[in-house]
Amino acid sequence: MDTSKAGSAVVPRAAALLRALSDSDADGATTSSLARAVGLPRATAHRLLTSLSEEGLVDRTPGGLWVLGPELYILGSIAASRYDIATTAVDILRELARSTGESAFLSARRGDETVVLAAEEGTFPLRSHVLHPGKRLPLGIASAGLVLLAHLPDAEIERYLQRADLEGEWGEGHSTTGIKQRIAETRVHGYSVNPALLVEGSWGIGAAVFDRAGRPEWALSLNGVQTRFSATRRPQLGEALLRAAHDLTKRVR
């Protein structure tokens, strides 16, 4: 193999392992589970994780599980001064959770994915535990990914749907036809609705937050059990989200 090509493949593989680790259980993940998550042979994943460990980017618990390392905390603290929208949105998330009783989330677009940056638990005793900080999902999946996709230009949406196999990975509810229909509905209402397509009984509503150039880069969402998202209550939740997203957009700008 061309050594230059082999070397260039290391960075995306290492990055994929770090993303998978950030999306894993808080207690850590095994080498085998991380290898499966990124589609690498176990030996390759172990070699990369060991190298990352030597740099302090990952660490290993006494029980042999991999966790994110201390060097990432230092790097993240430095980057936070430029990218920390989560701090800006703390009071907005808290008020959303308080006023609606549902769990509120802030997600960011990262390429073809969304990643949950922050969460605020709702006061209603029954909750859906689908999302958590670090959770990554493709655009078009869950309410945050759907609302961000819906606010992209049509040509960009078409290119994404052509290269993404959402139905194959996430089930028939995420067919191209179904997603386009939900995009159209989102554009009418301004907010997106995920009617338990990700996990049975778990509903979500999302609203987009825009950067200075008017691009949809973040999303606020509410997530909860199906009984809390009735046809009469959804517009109320949607309006609350749109107001909050508008306020956060003004802060970002």
C-alpha atoms as a PDB file:
ATOM      1  CA  MET A   1       0.000   0.000   0.000  1.00  0.00           C
ATOM      2  CA  ASP A   2       1.112   3.562  -0.721  1.00  0.00           C
ATOM      3  CA  THR A   3       2.479   4.793   2.605  1.00  0.00           C
ATOM      4  CA  SER A   4       1.119   8.289   2.012  1.00  0.00           C
ATOM      5  CA  LYS A   5      -2.389   6.884   1.495  1.00  0.00           C
ATOM      6  CA  ALA A   6      -2.034   4.649   4.547  1.00  0.00           C
ATOM      7  CA  GLY A   7      -0.945   7.610   6.634  1.00  0.00           C
ATOM      8  CA  SER A   8      -3.800   9.790   5.457  1.00  0.00           C
ATOM      9  CA  ALA A   9      -6.291   7.096   6.460  1.00  0.00           C
ATOM     10  CA  VAL A  10      -5.126   7.149  10.077  1.00  0.00           C
ATOM     11  CA  VAL A  11      -6.600  10.562  10.925  1.00  0.00           C
ATOM     12  CA  PRO A  12     -10.206   9.858   9.832  1.00  0.00           C
ATOM     13  CA  ARG A  13     -10.075   6.447  11.520  1.00  0.00           C
ATOM     14  CA  ALA A  14      -8.803   7.940  14.762  1.00  0.00           C
ATOM     15  CA  ALA A  15     -11.423  10.702  14.553  1.00  0.00           C
ATOM     16  CA  ALA A  16     -14.152   8.096  13.994  1.00  0.00           C
ATOM     17  CA  LEU A  17     -13.029   6.221  17.108  1.00  0.00           C
ATOM     18  CA  LEU A  18     -13.130   9.409  19.183  1.00  0.00           C
ATOM     19  CA  ARG A  19     -16.645  10.183  17.925  1.00  0.00           C
ATOM     20  CA  ALA A  20     -17.808   6.643  18.678  1.00  0.00           C
ATOM     21  CA  LEU A  21     -16.297   6.883  22.141  1.00  0.00           C
ATOM     22  CA  SER A  22     -18.070  10.192  22.792  1.00  0.00           C
ATOM     23  CA  ASP A  23     -21.359   8.494  21.846  1.00  0.00           C
ATOM     24  CA  SER A  24     -20.777   5.461  24.049  1.00  0.00           C
ATOM     25  CA  ASP A  25     -21.828   4.741  27.611  1.00  0.00           C
ATOM     26  CA  ALA A  26     -20.452   7.125  30.242  1.00  0.00           C
ATOM     27  CA  ASP A  27     -18.583   4.239  31.893  1.00  0.00           C
ATOM     28  CA  GLY A  28     -16.580   3.602  28.716  1.00  0.00           C
ATOM     29  CA  ALA A  29     -16.502   1.183  25.801  1.00  0.00           C
ATOM     30  CA  THR A  30     -14.674  -1.987  24.866  1.00  0.00           C
ATOM     31  CA  THR A  31     -12.259  -2.270  21.981  1.00  0.00           C
ATOM     32  CA  SER A  32     -14.611  -4.667  20.207  1.00  0.00           C
ATOM     33  CA  SER A  33     -17.655  -2.382  20.474  1.00  0.00           C
ATOM     34  CA  LEU A  34     -15.698   0.607  19.174  1.00  0.00           C
ATOM     35  CA  ALA A  35     -14.286  -1.449  16.315  1.00  0.00           C
ATOM     36  CA  ARG A  36     -17.803  -2.518  15.310  1.00  0.00           C
ATOM     37  CA  ALA A  37     -19.101   1.034  15.564  1.00  0.00           C
ATOM     38  CA  VAL A  38     -16.561   2.377  13.064  1.00  0.00           C
ATOM     39  CA  GLY A  39     -16.203  -0.715  10.880  1.00  0.00           C
ATOM     40  CA  LEU A  40     -12.571  -1.526  11.686  1.00  0.00           C
ATOM     41  CA  PRO A  41     -10.851  -4.824  12.510  1.00  0.00           C
ATOM     42  CA  ARG A  42     -10.418  -5.181  16.250  1.00  0.00           C
ATOM     43  CA  ALA A  43      -6.626  -5.263  15.985  1.00  0.00           C
ATOM     44  CA  THR A  44      -6.592  -2.019  13.993  1.00  0.00           C
ATOM     45  CA  ALA A  45      -8.919  -0.316  16.453  1.00  0.00           C
ATOM     46  CA  HIS A  46      -6.787  -1.466  19.384  1.00  0.00           C
ATOM     47  CA  ARG A  47      -3.620  -0.158  17.758  1.00  0.00           C
ATOM     48  CA  LEU A  48      -5.186   3.242  17.098  1.00  0.00           C
ATOM     49  CA  LEU A  49      -6.660   3.465  20.597  1.00  0.00           C
ATOM     50  CA  THR A  50      -3.289   2.635  22.114  1.00  0.00           C
ATOM     51  CA  SER A  51      -1.654   5.420  20.082  1.00  0.00           C
ATOM     52  CA  LEU A  52      -4.380   7.860  21.119  1.00  0.00           C
ATOM     53  CA  SER A  53      -3.857   6.801  24.723  1.00  0.00           C
ATOM     54  CA  GLU A  54      -0.151   7.600  24.502  1.00  0.00           C
ATOM     55  CA  GLU A  55      -1.123  11.152  23.484  1.00  0.00           C
ATOM     56  CA  GLY A  56      -3.635  11.491  26.309  1.00  0.00           C
ATOM     57  CA  LEU A  57      -6.600  11.670  23.931  1.00  0.00           C
ATOM     58  CA  VAL A  58      -8.150   8.505  25.362  1.00  0.00           C
ATOM     59  CA  ASP A  59      -7.669   6.702  28.641  1.00  0.00           C
ATOM     60  CA  ARG A  60      -8.338   3.197  29.929  1.00  0.00           C
ATOM     61  CA  THR A  61     -10.186   2.374  33.113  1.00  0.00           C
ATOM     62  CA  PRO A  62      -9.011  -0.325  35.559  1.00  0.00           C
ATOM     63  CA  GLY A  63     -11.781  -2.478  34.106  1.00  0.00           C
ATOM     64  CA  GLY A  64     -10.281  -2.240  30.614  1.00  0.00           C
ATOM     65  CA  LEU A  65     -12.837   0.147  29.109  1.00  0.00           C
ATOM     66  CA  TRP A  66     -11.819   3.074  26.927  1.00  0.00           C
ATOM     67  CA  VAL A  67     -12.882   6.618  27.883  1.00  0.00           C
ATOM     68  CA  LEU A  68     -12.068  10.047  26.514  1.00  0.00           C
ATOM     69  CA  GLY A  69      -8.741  11.302  27.816  1.00  0.00           C
ATOM     70  CA  PRO A  70      -7.576  14.370  29.761  1.00  0.00           C
ATOM     71  CA  GLU A  71      -5.889  15.995  26.762  1.00  0.00           C
ATOM     72  CA  LEU A  72      -9.266  16.289  25.053  1.00  0.00           C
ATOM     73  CA  TYR A  73     -10.586  18.196  28.065  1.00  0.00           C
ATOM     74  CA  ILE A  74      -7.718  20.681  27.791  1.00  0.00           C
ATOM     75  CA  LEU A  75      -8.160  21.106  24.048  1.00  0.00           C
ATOM     76  CA  GLY A  76     -11.919  21.411  24.454  1.00  0.00           C
ATOM     77  CA  SER A  77     -11.554  24.094  27.112  1.00  0.00           C
ATOM     78  CA  ILE A  78      -9.443  26.151  24.712  1.00  0.00           C
ATOM     79  CA  ALA A  79     -11.867  25.648  21.819  1.00  0.00           C
ATOM     80  CA  ALA A  80     -14.842  26.502  24.028  1.00  0.00           C
ATOM     81  CA  SER A  81     -13.925  30.183  24.012  1.00  0.00           C
ATOM     82  CA  ARG A  82     -14.796  30.235  20.309  1.00  0.00           C
ATOM     83  CA  TYR A  83     -17.460  27.581  19.912  1.00  0.00           C
ATOM     84  CA  ASP A  84     -19.227  27.310  23.262  1.00  0.00           C
ATOM     85  CA  ILE A  85     -22.799  28.069  22.250  1.00  0.00           C
ATOM     86  CA  ALA A  86     -23.891  25.675  24.995  1.00  0.00           C
ATOM     87  CA  THR A  87     -23.004  28.219  27.672  1.00  0.00           C
ATOM     88  CA  THR A  88     -24.890  30.912  25.752  1.00  0.00           C
ATOM     89  CA  ALA A  89     -27.973  28.689  25.649  1.00  0.00           C
ATOM     90  CA  VAL A  90     -28.022  27.502  29.279  1.00  0.00           C
ATOM     91  CA  ASP A  91     -30.834  29.752  30.481  1.00  0.00           C
ATOM     92  CA  ILE A  92     -32.850  29.204  27.290  1.00  0.00           C
ATOM     93  CA  LEU A  93     -32.671  25.413  27.687  1.00  0.00           C
ATOM     94  CA  ARG A  94     -33.538  25.667  31.349  1.00  0.00           C
ATOM     95  CA  GLU A  95     -36.589  27.845  30.680  1.00  0.00           C
ATOM     96  CA  LEU A  96     -37.778  25.509  27.898  1.00  0.00           C
ATOM     97  CA  ALA A  97     -37.579  22.524  30.222  1.00  0.00           C
ATOM     98  CA  ARG A  98     -39.265  24.427  33.067  1.00  0.00           C
ATOM     99  CA  SER A  99     -42.121  25.885  31.029  1.00  0.00           C
ATOM    100  CA  THR A 100     -42.936  22.725  29.056  1.00  0.00           C
ATOM    101  CA  GLY A 101     -41.975  19.990  31.502  1.00  0.00           C
ATOM    102  CA  GLU A 102     -40.130  18.161  28.694  1.00  0.00           C
ATOM    103  CA  SER A 103     -36.404  17.530  28.362  1.00  0.00           C
ATOM    104  CA  ALA A 104     -34.716  20.215  26.246  1.00  0.00           C
ATOM    105  CA  PHE A 105     -31.660  19.723  24.039  1.00  0.00           C
ATOM    106  CA  LEU A 106     -29.197  21.804  22.060  1.00  0.00           C
ATOM    107  CA  SER A 107     -27.677  20.096  19.013  1.00  0.00           C
ATOM    108  CA  ALA A 108     -25.120  21.260  16.459  1.00  0.00           C
ATOM    109  CA  ARG A 109     -24.683  20.334  12.841  1.00  0.00           C
ATOM    110  CA  ARG A 110     -21.374  18.676  12.047  1.00  0.00           C
ATOM    111  CA  GLY A 111     -21.251  17.802   8.363  1.00  0.00           C
ATOM    112  CA  ASP A 112     -23.913  15.188   7.673  1.00  0.00           C
ATOM    113  CA  GLU A 113     -24.616  14.644  11.366  1.00  0.00           C
ATOM    114  CA  THR A 114     -26.031  16.342  14.410  1.00  0.00           C
ATOM    115  CA  VAL A 115     -24.413  16.038  17.820  1.00  0.00           C
ATOM    116  CA  VAL A 116     -26.118  16.852  21.113  1.00  0.00           C
ATOM    117  CA  LEU A 117     -24.157  19.561  22.928  1.00  0.00           C
ATOM    118  CA  ALA A 118     -26.267  20.151  26.032  1.00  0.00           C
ATOM    119  CA  ALA A 119     -29.412  18.935  27.768  1.00  0.00           C
ATOM    120  CA  GLU A 120     -31.776  20.079  30.498  1.00  0.00           C
ATOM    121  CA  GLU A 121     -34.104  17.542  32.088  1.00  0.00           C
ATOM    122  CA  GLY A 122     -37.801  18.314  32.230  1.00  0.00           C
ATOM    123  CA  THR A 123     -39.970  18.280  35.318  1.00  0.00           C
ATOM    124  CA  PHE A 124     -42.490  15.720  34.050  1.00  0.00           C
ATOM    125  CA  PRO A 125     -41.750  12.411  35.849  1.00  0.00           C
ATOM    126  CA  LEU A 126     -42.014  10.242  32.720  1.00  0.00           C
ATOM    127  CA  ARG A 127     -39.109  10.895  30.348  1.00  0.00           C
ATOM    128  CA  SER A 128     -37.665   9.526  27.148  1.00  0.00           C
ATOM    129  CA  HIS A 129     -33.969   8.739  27.501  1.00  0.00           C
ATOM    130  CA  VAL A 130     -33.129   8.648  23.799  1.00  0.00           C
ATOM    131  CA  LEU A 131     -30.802  11.665  23.656  1.00  0.00           C
ATOM    132  CA  HIS A 132     -27.812  12.713  25.746  1.00  0.00           C
ATOM    133  CA  PRO A 133     -24.824  15.049  25.276  1.00  0.00           C
ATOM    134  CA  GLY A 134     -22.458  13.515  22.736  1.00  0.00           C
ATOM    135  CA  LYS A 135     -25.188  11.584  20.920  1.00  0.00           C
ATOM    136  CA  ARG A 136     -24.669  11.703  17.148  1.00  0.00           C
ATOM    137  CA  LEU A 137     -27.346  11.118  14.535  1.00  0.00           C
ATOM    138  CA  PRO A 138     -27.508  11.682  10.774  1.00  0.00           C
ATOM    139  CA  LEU A 139     -29.327  14.683   9.341  1.00  0.00           C
ATOM    140  CA  GLY A 140     -32.987  13.790   8.851  1.00  0.00           C
ATOM    141  CA  ILE A 141     -33.028  11.551  11.925  1.00  0.00           C
ATOM    142  CA  ALA A 142     -34.847  12.807  15.063  1.00  0.00           C
ATOM    143  CA  SER A 143     -36.359  16.280  15.276  1.00  0.00           C
ATOM    144  CA  ALA A 144     -33.059  18.216  15.411  1.00  0.00           C
ATOM    145  CA  GLY A 145     -31.638  16.484  12.354  1.00  0.00           C
ATOM    146  CA  LEU A 146     -34.899  16.914  10.462  1.00  0.00           C
ATOM    147  CA  VAL A 147     -35.311  20.622  11.128  1.00  0.00           C
ATOM    148  CA  LEU A 148     -31.703  21.363  10.156  1.00  0.00           C
ATOM    149  CA  LEU A 149     -32.098  19.384   6.947  1.00  0.00           C
ATOM    150  CA  ALA A 150     -35.384  21.109   6.140  1.00  0.00           C
ATOM    151  CA  HIS A 151     -33.774  24.553   6.278  1.00  0.00           C
ATOM    152  CA  LEU A 152     -31.012  23.688   3.797  1.00  0.00           C
ATOM    153  CA  PRO A 153     -31.347  24.608   0.096  1.00  0.00           C
ATOM    154  CA  ASP A 154     -33.257  22.053  -2.011  1.00  0.00           C
ATOM    155  CA  ALA A 155     -30.189  21.140  -4.082  1.00  0.00           C
ATOM    156  CA  GLU A 156     -28.176  20.429  -0.944  1.00  0.00           C
ATOM    157  CA  ILE A 157     -30.976  18.274   0.448  1.00  0.00           C
ATOM    158  CA  GLU A 158     -31.136  16.268  -2.783  1.00  0.00           C
ATOM    159  CA  ARG A 159     -27.397  15.614  -2.775  1.00  0.00           C
ATOM    160  CA  TYR A 160     -27.525  14.496   0.833  1.00  0.00           C
ATOM    161  CA  LEU A 161     -30.472  12.136   0.357  1.00  0.00           C
ATOM    162  CA  GLN A 162     -28.751  10.585  -2.678  1.00  0.00           C
ATOM    163  CA  ARG A 163     -25.614   9.704  -0.697  1.00  0.00           C
ATOM    164  CA  ALA A 164     -27.263   8.793   2.632  1.00  0.00           C
ATOM    165  CA  ASP A 165     -28.888   5.396   3.135  1.00  0.00           C
ATOM    166  CA  LEU A 166     -31.236   6.453   5.917  1.00  0.00           C
ATOM    167  CA  GLU A 167     -33.906   3.866   5.217  1.00  0.00           C
ATOM    168  CA  GLY A 168     -31.355   1.051   5.155  1.00  0.00           C
ATOM    169  CA  GLU A 169     -29.851   2.086   8.484  1.00  0.00           C
ATOM    170  CA  TRP A 170     -32.883   3.463  10.331  1.00  0.00           C
ATOM    171  CA  GLY A 171     -35.887   1.649   8.897  1.00  0.00           C
ATOM    172  CA  GLU A 172     -38.690   2.229   6.409  1.00  0.00           C
ATOM    173  CA  GLY A 173     -39.964   5.217   8.361  1.00  0.00           C
ATOM    174  CA  HIS A 174     -36.924   7.082   7.054  1.00  0.00           C
ATOM    175  CA  SER A 175     -37.484   6.503   3.344  1.00  0.00           C
ATOM    176  CA  THR A 176     -36.638   9.376   1.022  1.00  0.00           C
ATOM    177  CA  THR A 177     -40.337   9.890   0.356  1.00  0.00           C
ATOM    178  CA  GLY A 178     -41.140  10.003   4.065  1.00  0.00           C
ATOM    179  CA  ILE A 179     -38.327  12.417   4.845  1.00  0.00           C
ATOM    180  CA  LYS A 180     -39.324  14.744   2.006  1.00  0.00           C
ATOM    181  CA  GLN A 181     -42.901  14.756   3.291  1.00  0.00           C
ATOM    182  CA  ARG A 182     -41.715  15.684   6.806  1.00  0.00           C
ATOM    183  CA  ILE A 183     -39.437  18.361   5.342  1.00  0.00           C
ATOM    184  CA  ALA A 184     -42.459  19.894   3.596  1.00  0.00           C
ATOM    185  CA  GLU A 185     -44.456  19.814   6.848  1.00  0.00           C
ATOM    186  CA  THR A 186     -41.534  21.355   8.738  1.00  0.00           C
ATOM    187  CA  ARG A 187     -41.339  24.219   6.275  1.00  0.00           C
ATOM    188  CA  VAL A 188     -45.043  24.904   6.723  1.00  0.00           C
ATOM    189  CA  HIS A 189     -44.977  24.931  10.534  1.00  0.00           C
ATOM    190  CA  GLY A 190     -41.425  26.178  11.064  1.00  0.00           C
ATOM    191  CA  TYR A 191     -40.669  23.359  13.493  1.00  0.00           C
ATOM    192  CA  SER A 192     -40.110  19.639  12.923  1.00  0.00           C
ATOM    193  CA  VAL A 193     -41.881  16.687  14.511  1.00  0.00           C
ATOM    194  CA  ASN A 194     -40.422  13.231  15.048  1.00  0.00           C
ATOM    195  CA  PRO A 195     -43.427  10.942  15.709  1.00  0.00           C
ATOM    196  CA  ALA A 196     -41.624   8.116  17.514  1.00  0.00           C
ATOM    197  CA  LEU A 197     -39.653   7.096  14.409  1.00  0.00           C
ATOM    198  CA  LEU A 198     -36.380   6.684  16.294  1.00  0.00           C
ATOM    199  CA  VAL A 199     -37.632   4.877  19.392  1.00  0.00           C
ATOM    200  CA  GLU A 200     -41.192   3.655  19.937  1.00  0.00           C
ATOM    201  CA  GLY A 201     -43.146   5.948  22.225  1.00  0.00           C
ATOM    202  CA  SER A 202     -40.558   8.760  22.107  1.00  0.00           C
ATOM    203  CA  TRP A 203     -41.595  11.984  20.354  1.00  0.00           C
ATOM    204  CA  GLY A 204     -39.575  15.086  19.588  1.00  0.00           C
ATOM    205  CA  ILE A 205     -40.054  18.606  18.238  1.00  0.00           C
ATOM    206  CA  GLY A 206     -37.199  20.754  16.902  1.00  0.00           C
ATOM    207  CA  ALA A 207     -36.510  24.335  15.791  1.00  0.00           C
ATOM    208  CA  ALA A 208     -33.464  25.631  13.927  1.00  0.00           C
ATOM    209  CA  VAL A 209     -30.955  28.207  15.166  1.00  0.00           C
ATOM    210  CA  PHE A 210     -29.110  30.197  12.500  1.00  0.00           C
ATOM    211  CA  ASP A 211     -25.595  31.655  12.308  1.00  0.00           C
ATOM    212  CA  ARG A 212     -24.672  35.132  11.093  1.00  0.00           C
ATOM    213  CA  ALA A 213     -24.822  33.989   7.475  1.00  0.00           C
ATOM    214  CA  GLY A 214     -28.341  32.620   7.933  1.00  0.00           C
ATOM    215  CA  ARG A 215     -27.252  28.978   7.832  1.00  0.00           C
ATOM    216  CA  PRO A 216     -29.000  26.434  10.093  1.00  0.00           C
ATOM    217  CA  GLU A 217     -26.106  25.320  12.307  1.00  0.00           C
ATOM    218  CA  TRP A 218     -27.834  24.395  15.580  1.00  0.00           C
ATOM    219  CA  ALA A 219     -31.209  23.156  16.762  1.00  0.00           C
ATOM    220  CA  LEU A 220     -33.233  23.316  19.955  1.00  0.00           C
ATOM    221  CA  SER A 221     -35.505  20.346  20.588  1.00  0.00           C
ATOM    222  CA  LEU A 222     -37.929  18.920  23.117  1.00  0.00           C
ATOM    223  CA  ASN A 223     -38.151  15.199  23.708  1.00  0.00           C
ATOM    224  CA  GLY A 224     -40.635  13.174  25.723  1.00  0.00           C
ATOM    225  CA  VAL A 225     -43.175  10.388  25.846  1.00  0.00           C
ATOM    226  CA  GLN A 226     -45.910  10.158  23.222  1.00  0.00           C
ATOM    227  CA  THR A 227     -48.787  11.081  25.536  1.00  0.00           C
ATOM    228  CA  ARG A 228     -47.196  14.499  26.089  1.00  0.00           C
ATOM    229  CA  PHE A 229     -47.169  15.322  22.354  1.00  0.00           C
ATOM    230  CA  SER A 230     -50.864  15.276  21.507  1.00  0.00           C
ATOM    231  CA  ALA A 231     -52.207  17.007  18.396  1.00  0.00           C
ATOM    232  CA  THR A 232     -53.547  19.876  20.505  1.00  0.00           C
ATOM    233  CA  ARG A 233     -50.316  20.363  22.479  1.00  0.00           C
ATOM    234  CA  ARG A 234     -47.781  20.078  19.635  1.00  0.00           C
ATOM    235  CA  PRO A 235     -48.460  23.597  18.271  1.00  0.00           C
ATOM    236  CA  GLN A 236     -47.912  25.045  21.763  1.00  0.00           C
ATOM    237  CA  LEU A 237     -44.598  23.229  22.111  1.00  0.00           C
ATOM    238  CA  GLY A 238     -43.620  24.258  18.595  1.00  0.00           C
ATOM    239  CA  GLU A 239     -44.337  27.934  19.287  1.00  0.00           C
ATOM    240  CA  ALA A 240     -42.293  27.808  22.494  1.00  0.00           C
ATOM    241  CA  LEU A 241     -39.400  26.267  20.605  1.00  0.00           C
ATOM    242  CA  LEU A 242     -39.565  28.797  17.780  1.00  0.00           C
ATOM    243  CA  ARG A 243     -39.453  31.684  20.259  1.00  0.00           C
ATOM    244  CA  ALA A 244     -36.496  30.146  22.062  1.00  0.00           C
ATOM    245  CA  ALA A 245     -34.672  29.428  18.785  1.00  0.00           C
ATOM    246  CA  HIS A 246     -35.253  33.024  17.664  1.00  0.00           C
ATOM    247  CA  ASP A 247     -33.801  34.338  20.934  1.00  0.00           C
ATOM    248  CA  LEU A 248     -30.733  32.104  20.622  1.00  0.00           C
ATOM    249  CA  THR A 249     -30.237  33.089  16.996  1.00  0.00           C
ATOM    250  CA  LYS A 250     -30.188  36.772  18.033  1.00  0.00           C
ATOM    251  CA  ARG A 251     -27.562  35.983  20.690  1.00  0.00           C
ATOM    252  CA  VAL A 252     -25.384  34.079  18.226  1.00  0.00           C
ATOM    253  CA  ARG A 253     -25.540  36.922  15.737  1.00  0.00           C
END
